[in-house]
Amino acid sequence: MPREIRVDIGELALDGFRADPGRVAAAFEHELTRLVRERGVPADGPWTADVLSGLPPLPAGLSASRLGQELARAVHEGLSGRGEVTS
């Protein structure tokens, strides 16, 4: 049975990065969709991820695509119980 997962991000501050925010958002959405489809998430939600945790320091010169991917991986880890998540 298909389920809908909705991720709302009120504000994302990318201090020190020159990446295009629209391209970061598109890469984020694409990567998070891929991760949820391939790996799923636990069924005991809903979740509120207040903080992206476990994200290693990222070089300021990352491309928008790579930055979006890394952020999506951190959110997926939070949704999967490996990051800082509150329910």
Protein backbone atom coordinates (compact mmCIF):
# COMPACT_ATOMS: atom_id res chain seq x y z
CA MET A 1 0.00 0.00 0.00
CA PRO A 2 1.59 3.31 -1.06
CA ARG A 3 2.08 5.89 1.63
CA GLU A 4 2.71 9.56 1.29
CA ILE A 5 5.64 11.15 3.05
CA ARG A 6 5.69 14.92 3.22
CA VAL A 7 8.76 16.90 4.22
CA ASP A 8 8.30 20.60 4.95
CA ILE A 9 11.37 22.73 5.46
CA GLY A 10 10.49 26.17 6.73
CA GLU A 11 13.90 27.69 6.21
CA LEU A 12 17.31 26.37 5.29
CA ALA A 13 20.25 28.70 5.84
CA LEU A 14 23.30 27.77 3.80
CA ASP A 15 25.89 30.14 5.19
CA GLY A 16 29.17 30.08 3.31
CA PHE A 17 27.80 28.28 0.25
CA ARG A 18 27.39 29.90 -3.15
CA ALA A 19 25.17 27.17 -4.56
CA ASP A 20 21.93 28.13 -6.28
CA PRO A 21 19.11 27.51 -3.75
CA GLY A 22 16.70 26.26 -6.42
CA ARG A 23 19.20 23.67 -7.64
CA VAL A 24 19.97 22.61 -4.05
CA ALA A 25 16.24 22.15 -3.42
CA ALA A 26 15.77 20.12 -6.62
CA ALA A 27 18.72 17.85 -5.81
CA PHE A 28 17.47 17.47 -2.23
CA GLU A 29 13.98 16.45 -3.36
CA HIS A 30 15.31 14.02 -5.97
CA GLU A 31 17.75 12.32 -3.57
CA LEU A 32 15.30 12.11 -0.66
CA THR A 33 12.66 10.59 -2.95
CA ARG A 34 15.21 8.03 -4.18
CA LEU A 35 16.28 7.11 -0.65
CA VAL A 36 12.72 6.69 0.62
CA ARG A 37 11.77 4.54 -2.38
CA GLU A 38 14.88 2.35 -2.17
CA ARG A 39 15.34 2.12 1.60
CA GLY A 40 12.00 3.19 3.04
CA VAL A 41 11.49 4.68 6.51
CA PRO A 42 10.03 3.15 9.69
CA ALA A 43 6.24 3.06 9.76
CA ASP A 44 5.86 4.55 13.24
CA GLY A 45 5.81 8.24 12.23
CA PRO A 46 4.87 11.09 12.08
CA TRP A 47 8.21 12.69 12.71
CA THR A 48 9.54 16.17 13.17
CA ALA A 49 13.20 16.50 12.39
CA ASP A 50 14.25 19.61 14.26
CA VAL A 51 17.95 19.37 13.57
CA LEU A 52 20.04 17.80 10.85
CA SER A 53 22.52 15.79 12.85
CA GLY A 54 25.37 13.59 11.77
CA LEU A 55 26.12 15.80 8.82
CA PRO A 56 29.88 16.00 8.37
CA PRO A 57 31.49 19.37 7.65
CA LEU A 58 30.97 20.16 4.00
CA PRO A 59 33.38 22.13 1.83
CA ALA A 60 31.96 25.50 0.83
CA GLY A 61 32.74 24.77 -2.83
CA LEU A 62 30.29 21.87 -3.16
CA SER A 63 28.04 21.91 -6.19
CA ALA A 64 24.33 22.52 -5.68
CA SER A 65 23.66 18.92 -6.65
CA ARG A 66 26.11 17.46 -4.14
CA LEU A 67 24.94 19.77 -1.35
CA GLY A 68 21.30 18.80 -1.94
CA GLN A 69 22.25 15.12 -1.90
CA GLU A 70 24.15 15.39 1.39
CA LEU A 71 21.29 17.28 3.05
CA ALA A 72 18.78 14.67 1.83
CA ARG A 73 20.92 11.86 3.22
CA ALA A 74 21.02 13.58 6.62
CA VAL A 75 17.21 13.99 6.65
CA HIS A 76 16.71 10.37 5.59
CA GLU A 77 18.96 9.21 8.42
CA GLY A 78 16.85 11.27 10.82
CA LEU A 79 13.64 9.74 9.46
CA SER A 80 15.22 6.29 9.77
CA GLY A 81 16.05 6.76 13.43
CA ARG A 82 19.76 7.43 13.02
CA GLY A 83 19.61 11.20 13.46
CA GLU A 84 18.14 13.62 15.99
CA VAL A 85 14.38 13.34 15.53
CA THR A 86 11.46 14.12 17.82
CA SER A 87 7.98 12.67 17.42
